[in-house]
Amino acid sequence: MINVSDTAATKITELLVEEQKAGGGLRMYVQGGGCSGFQYGMMIEEGGQAAGDQVFESKGIKLFVDPISIQYLKDAEVDFVDTVTGGGFTIKNPNAKSTCGCGSSFSTE
């Protein structure tokens, strides 16, 4: 299961309305790279479920995750933080053993 914070759910809903993709959700994935070995990716998904995807729903938001990424994202939480320098989505990942300074990449070893 992947969870979405209240703040992230509000922001994702705003993005879906803004981009006129009201029936869509958020695609989350992990790919190789970044300074720690893996990096997170997220994008608004309007096409729905692809073959092999696991679909979760948290606070009314659909989350689409491919079968490889799910092993790294199990029990993660998507949050949205707003700071003086800007805002953005973050992932709190209990599977990450270490992260880089910017928080956009992680390692499981």
N, C-alpha and C. Protein backbone atom coordinates (compact mmCIF):
# COMPACT_ATOMS: atom_id res chain seq x y z
N MET A 1 0.84 -1.18 0.00
CA MET A 1 0.00 0.00 0.00
C MET A 1 0.88 1.24 0.00
N ILE A 2 0.46 2.23 -0.74
CA ILE A 2 1.12 3.53 -0.76
C ILE A 2 0.10 4.56 -0.30
N ASN A 3 0.51 5.47 0.55
CA ASN A 3 -0.39 6.46 1.10
C ASN A 3 -0.08 7.85 0.57
N VAL A 4 -1.08 8.71 0.66
CA VAL A 4 -0.96 10.10 0.25
C VAL A 4 -1.35 10.96 1.44
N SER A 5 -0.54 11.96 1.76
CA SER A 5 -0.89 12.86 2.86
C SER A 5 -2.06 13.74 2.43
N ASP A 6 -2.71 14.37 3.39
CA ASP A 6 -3.82 15.28 3.08
C ASP A 6 -3.36 16.41 2.17
N THR A 7 -2.18 16.97 2.46
CA THR A 7 -1.65 18.08 1.67
C THR A 7 -1.38 17.64 0.23
N ALA A 8 -0.78 16.46 0.07
CA ALA A 8 -0.49 15.95 -1.28
C ALA A 8 -1.78 15.65 -2.03
N ALA A 9 -2.76 15.08 -1.35
CA ALA A 9 -4.04 14.77 -2.00
C ALA A 9 -4.69 16.04 -2.54
N THR A 10 -4.67 17.10 -1.75
CA THR A 10 -5.23 18.38 -2.19
C THR A 10 -4.50 18.90 -3.42
N LYS A 11 -3.17 18.85 -3.39
CA LYS A 11 -2.36 19.37 -4.51
C LYS A 11 -2.56 18.51 -5.77
N ILE A 12 -2.61 17.19 -5.63
CA ILE A 12 -2.81 16.31 -6.78
C ILE A 12 -4.18 16.56 -7.40
N THR A 13 -5.20 16.72 -6.56
CA THR A 13 -6.54 17.02 -7.05
C THR A 13 -6.54 18.33 -7.84
N GLU A 14 -5.86 19.34 -7.31
CA GLU A 14 -5.76 20.63 -8.02
C GLU A 14 -5.09 20.45 -9.38
N LEU A 15 -4.02 19.67 -9.44
CA LEU A 15 -3.31 19.43 -10.70
C LEU A 15 -4.19 18.68 -11.70
N LEU A 16 -4.93 17.68 -11.23
CA LEU A 16 -5.80 16.92 -12.11
C LEU A 16 -6.88 17.82 -12.72
N VAL A 17 -7.44 18.71 -11.92
CA VAL A 17 -8.46 19.64 -12.42
C VAL A 17 -7.82 20.63 -13.39
N GLU A 18 -6.67 21.18 -13.00
CA GLU A 18 -5.96 22.17 -13.82
C GLU A 18 -5.60 21.60 -15.19
N GLU A 19 -5.16 20.35 -15.22
CA GLU A 19 -4.76 19.72 -16.47
C GLU A 19 -5.92 19.00 -17.16
N GLN A 20 -7.13 19.17 -16.63
CA GLN A 20 -8.34 18.57 -17.18
C GLN A 20 -8.22 17.06 -17.33
N LYS A 21 -7.70 16.44 -16.28
CA LYS A 21 -7.52 14.98 -16.24
C LYS A 21 -8.21 14.42 -15.01
N ALA A 22 -9.44 14.87 -14.80
CA ALA A 22 -10.19 14.53 -13.58
C ALA A 22 -10.30 13.03 -13.33
N GLY A 23 -10.28 12.18 -14.34
CA GLY A 23 -10.39 10.74 -14.14
C GLY A 23 -9.06 10.06 -13.92
N GLY A 24 -7.97 10.84 -13.89
CA GLY A 24 -6.63 10.27 -13.80
C GLY A 24 -6.15 10.08 -12.38
N GLY A 25 -4.85 10.01 -12.24
CA GLY A 25 -4.23 9.82 -10.94
C GLY A 25 -2.76 10.16 -11.01
N LEU A 26 -1.99 9.60 -10.12
CA LEU A 26 -0.56 9.86 -10.04
C LEU A 26 0.19 8.57 -10.32
N ARG A 27 1.08 8.62 -11.31
CA ARG A 27 1.97 7.48 -11.58
C ARG A 27 3.25 7.71 -10.80
N MET A 28 3.64 6.68 -10.04
CA MET A 28 4.89 6.72 -9.27
C MET A 28 5.80 5.62 -9.79
N TYR A 29 7.08 5.94 -9.88
CA TYR A 29 8.02 4.93 -10.35
C TYR A 29 9.40 5.19 -9.77
N VAL A 30 10.24 4.17 -9.88
CA VAL A 30 11.62 4.24 -9.45
C VAL A 30 12.47 3.89 -10.65
N GLN A 31 13.55 4.64 -10.85
CA GLN A 31 14.47 4.32 -11.94
C GLN A 31 15.90 4.43 -11.44
N GLY A 32 16.80 3.75 -12.11
CA GLY A 32 18.20 3.82 -11.74
C GLY A 32 18.74 5.22 -11.99
N GLY A 33 19.67 5.63 -11.13
CA GLY A 33 20.30 6.94 -11.30
C GLY A 33 20.30 7.72 -10.01
N GLY A 34 20.68 8.96 -10.11
CA GLY A 34 20.78 9.78 -8.90
C GLY A 34 22.05 9.46 -8.16
N CYS A 35 22.38 10.26 -7.20
CA CYS A 35 23.65 10.07 -6.49
C CYS A 35 23.62 8.91 -5.51
N SER A 36 22.44 8.38 -5.19
CA SER A 36 22.37 7.26 -4.25
C SER A 36 22.01 5.93 -4.90
N GLY A 37 21.76 5.90 -6.19
CA GLY A 37 21.49 4.64 -6.88
C GLY A 37 20.12 4.54 -7.54
N PHE A 38 19.07 5.03 -6.89
CA PHE A 38 17.73 5.03 -7.45
C PHE A 38 17.14 6.42 -7.29
N GLN A 39 16.28 6.77 -8.21
CA GLN A 39 15.58 8.05 -8.05
C GLN A 39 14.10 7.87 -8.29
N TYR A 40 13.33 8.72 -7.63
CA TYR A 40 11.88 8.67 -7.73
C TYR A 40 11.41 9.44 -8.96
N GLY A 41 10.28 9.01 -9.48
CA GLY A 41 9.61 9.75 -10.53
C GLY A 41 8.11 9.74 -10.27
N MET A 42 7.48 10.85 -10.61
CA MET A 42 6.03 10.97 -10.47
C MET A 42 5.52 11.80 -11.63
N MET A 43 4.33 11.44 -12.11
CA MET A 43 3.70 12.23 -13.15
C MET A 43 2.20 12.01 -13.10
N ILE A 44 1.48 13.02 -13.58
CA ILE A 44 0.03 12.88 -13.67
C ILE A 44 -0.27 11.87 -14.76
N GLU A 45 -1.12 10.91 -14.45
CA GLU A 45 -1.46 9.83 -15.38
C GLU A 45 -2.92 9.95 -15.76
N GLU A 46 -3.16 10.12 -17.05
CA GLU A 46 -4.55 10.19 -17.49
C GLU A 46 -4.98 8.92 -18.20
N GLY A 47 -4.02 8.12 -18.65
CA GLY A 47 -4.33 6.92 -19.42
C GLY A 47 -4.84 5.75 -18.59
N GLY A 48 -4.65 5.82 -17.28
CA GLY A 48 -5.11 4.74 -16.43
C GLY A 48 -4.07 3.65 -16.28
N GLN A 49 -4.54 2.50 -15.93
CA GLN A 49 -3.70 1.36 -15.58
C GLN A 49 -3.05 0.75 -16.81
N ALA A 50 -1.73 0.56 -16.76
CA ALA A 50 -1.00 -0.15 -17.80
C ALA A 50 -0.89 -1.62 -17.38
N ALA A 51 -0.53 -2.49 -18.32
CA ALA A 51 -0.40 -3.91 -18.03
C ALA A 51 0.57 -4.14 -16.88
N GLY A 52 0.15 -4.88 -15.88
CA GLY A 52 1.00 -5.22 -14.75
C GLY A 52 1.00 -4.21 -13.62
N ASP A 53 0.41 -3.04 -13.83
CA ASP A 53 0.38 -2.01 -12.78
C ASP A 53 -0.39 -2.49 -11.56
N GLN A 54 0.05 -2.02 -10.41
CA GLN A 54 -0.76 -2.14 -9.21
C GLN A 54 -1.40 -0.78 -9.01
N VAL A 55 -2.66 -0.76 -8.66
CA VAL A 55 -3.38 0.49 -8.47
C VAL A 55 -3.81 0.57 -7.01
N PHE A 56 -3.48 1.69 -6.39
CA PHE A 56 -3.85 1.94 -5.01
C PHE A 56 -4.73 3.18 -5.01
N GLU A 57 -5.52 3.32 -3.96
CA GLU A 57 -6.28 4.54 -3.78
C GLU A 57 -6.08 5.01 -2.35
N SER A 58 -5.71 6.27 -2.22
CA SER A 58 -5.49 6.85 -0.91
C SER A 58 -6.06 8.25 -0.91
N LYS A 59 -6.95 8.52 0.00
CA LYS A 59 -7.60 9.83 0.13
C LYS A 59 -8.21 10.30 -1.19
N GLY A 60 -8.79 9.34 -1.93
CA GLY A 60 -9.46 9.65 -3.18
C GLY A 60 -8.54 9.80 -4.38
N ILE A 61 -7.25 9.57 -4.21
CA ILE A 61 -6.28 9.69 -5.30
C ILE A 61 -5.88 8.30 -5.77
N LYS A 62 -5.96 8.08 -7.09
CA LYS A 62 -5.49 6.82 -7.66
C LYS A 62 -3.99 6.90 -7.85
N LEU A 63 -3.28 5.85 -7.45
CA LEU A 63 -1.83 5.76 -7.60
C LEU A 63 -1.52 4.54 -8.47
N PHE A 64 -0.77 4.75 -9.54
CA PHE A 64 -0.40 3.68 -10.46
C PHE A 64 1.09 3.39 -10.30
N VAL A 65 1.43 2.11 -10.06
CA VAL A 65 2.82 1.73 -9.83
C VAL A 65 3.12 0.47 -10.63
N ASP A 66 4.22 0.50 -11.39
CA ASP A 66 4.60 -0.66 -12.19
C ASP A 66 5.16 -1.76 -11.28
N PRO A 67 5.20 -3.01 -11.78
CA PRO A 67 5.58 -4.14 -10.92
C PRO A 67 7.01 -4.09 -10.39
N ILE A 68 7.92 -3.45 -11.09
CA ILE A 68 9.30 -3.36 -10.59
C ILE A 68 9.40 -2.29 -9.50
N SER A 69 8.77 -1.15 -9.72
CA SER A 69 8.86 -0.05 -8.76
C SER A 69 8.18 -0.36 -7.43
N ILE A 70 7.14 -1.19 -7.46
CA ILE A 70 6.38 -1.43 -6.23
C ILE A 70 7.26 -2.04 -5.14
N GLN A 71 8.25 -2.84 -5.50
CA GLN A 71 9.11 -3.44 -4.48
C GLN A 71 9.91 -2.38 -3.71
N TYR A 72 10.15 -1.22 -4.33
CA TYR A 72 10.89 -0.15 -3.67
C TYR A 72 9.97 0.87 -3.00
N LEU A 73 8.69 0.87 -3.35
CA LEU A 73 7.77 1.89 -2.86
C LEU A 73 6.74 1.37 -1.86
N LYS A 74 6.81 0.10 -1.52
CA LYS A 74 5.83 -0.49 -0.60
C LYS A 74 5.83 0.28 0.72
N ASP A 75 4.65 0.68 1.15
CA ASP A 75 4.42 1.41 2.40
C ASP A 75 4.98 2.84 2.40
N ALA A 76 5.29 3.38 1.23
CA ALA A 76 5.77 4.76 1.13
C ALA A 76 4.61 5.74 1.27
N GLU A 77 4.93 6.99 1.52
CA GLU A 77 3.92 8.04 1.60
C GLU A 77 4.33 9.21 0.73
N VAL A 78 3.40 9.69 -0.09
CA VAL A 78 3.63 10.89 -0.91
C VAL A 78 3.15 12.09 -0.08
N ASP A 79 3.99 13.10 -0.01
CA ASP A 79 3.64 14.32 0.72
C ASP A 79 3.94 15.51 -0.19
N PHE A 80 3.41 16.66 0.17
CA PHE A 80 3.70 17.90 -0.55
C PHE A 80 4.16 18.90 0.47
N VAL A 81 5.35 19.46 0.25
CA VAL A 81 5.88 20.47 1.16
C VAL A 81 5.98 21.80 0.43
N ASP A 82 5.64 22.86 1.13
CA ASP A 82 5.68 24.20 0.58
C ASP A 82 6.61 25.03 1.45
N THR A 83 7.70 25.49 0.87
CA THR A 83 8.68 26.27 1.62
C THR A 83 8.86 27.64 0.97
N VAL A 84 9.67 28.46 1.58
CA VAL A 84 9.92 29.80 1.03
C VAL A 84 10.59 29.72 -0.34
N THR A 85 11.36 28.69 -0.57
CA THR A 85 12.07 28.56 -1.84
C THR A 85 11.25 27.81 -2.89
N GLY A 86 10.05 27.40 -2.55
CA GLY A 86 9.19 26.68 -3.50
C GLY A 86 8.60 25.45 -2.85
N GLY A 87 7.75 24.78 -3.60
CA GLY A 87 7.11 23.59 -3.08
C GLY A 87 7.35 22.41 -3.98
N GLY A 88 7.04 21.25 -3.48
CA GLY A 88 7.19 20.05 -4.30
C GLY A 88 6.76 18.81 -3.56
N PHE A 89 6.60 17.75 -4.33
CA PHE A 89 6.23 16.46 -3.77
C PHE A 89 7.47 15.77 -3.21
N THR A 90 7.29 15.07 -2.11
CA THR A 90 8.35 14.27 -1.53
C THR A 90 7.80 12.88 -1.25
N ILE A 91 8.69 11.93 -1.14
CA ILE A 91 8.30 10.56 -0.82
C ILE A 91 9.00 10.15 0.46
N LYS A 92 8.20 9.74 1.45
CA LYS A 92 8.74 9.18 2.67
C LYS A 92 8.75 7.67 2.48
N ASN A 93 9.94 7.12 2.36
CA ASN A 93 10.08 5.72 1.97
C ASN A 93 10.74 4.90 3.07
N PRO A 94 9.99 4.01 3.73
CA PRO A 94 10.58 3.19 4.80
C PRO A 94 11.56 2.14 4.27
N ASN A 95 11.60 1.92 2.96
CA ASN A 95 12.50 0.93 2.36
C ASN A 95 13.88 1.49 2.07
N ALA A 96 14.02 2.81 2.09
CA ALA A 96 15.30 3.44 1.78
C ALA A 96 16.23 3.34 2.98
N LYS A 97 17.42 2.83 2.74
CA LYS A 97 18.42 2.73 3.81
C LYS A 97 19.21 4.03 3.92
N SER A 98 19.36 4.75 2.80
CA SER A 98 20.04 6.04 2.80
C SER A 98 19.47 6.88 1.66
N THR A 99 19.57 8.19 1.81
CA THR A 99 19.11 9.11 0.78
C THR A 99 20.20 10.14 0.53
N CYS A 100 20.07 10.83 -0.59
CA CYS A 100 21.03 11.89 -0.88
C CYS A 100 20.59 13.16 -0.17
N GLY A 101 21.39 14.18 -0.22
CA GLY A 101 21.10 15.43 0.46
C GLY A 101 19.83 16.10 -0.03
N CYS A 102 19.52 15.99 -1.33
CA CYS A 102 18.33 16.66 -1.86
C CYS A 102 17.08 15.82 -1.68
N GLY A 103 17.23 14.54 -1.33
CA GLY A 103 16.07 13.69 -1.08
C GLY A 103 15.42 13.11 -2.31
N SER A 104 16.01 13.30 -3.49
CA SER A 104 15.37 12.79 -4.70
C SER A 104 15.94 11.44 -5.13
N SER A 105 16.97 10.94 -4.46
CA SER A 105 17.45 9.60 -4.76
C SER A 105 17.71 8.85 -3.46
N PHE A 106 17.79 7.52 -3.57
CA PHE A 106 17.92 6.68 -2.38
C PHE A 106 18.63 5.39 -2.70
N SER A 107 19.01 4.68 -1.67
CA SER A 107 19.64 3.37 -1.80
C SER A 107 18.94 2.41 -0.85
N THR A 108 18.86 1.15 -1.25
CA THR A 108 18.25 0.13 -0.39
C THR A 108 19.30 -0.75 0.26
N GLU A 109 20.55 -0.40 0.09
CA GLU A 109 21.64 -1.21 0.67
C GLU A 109 22.32 -0.46 1.77
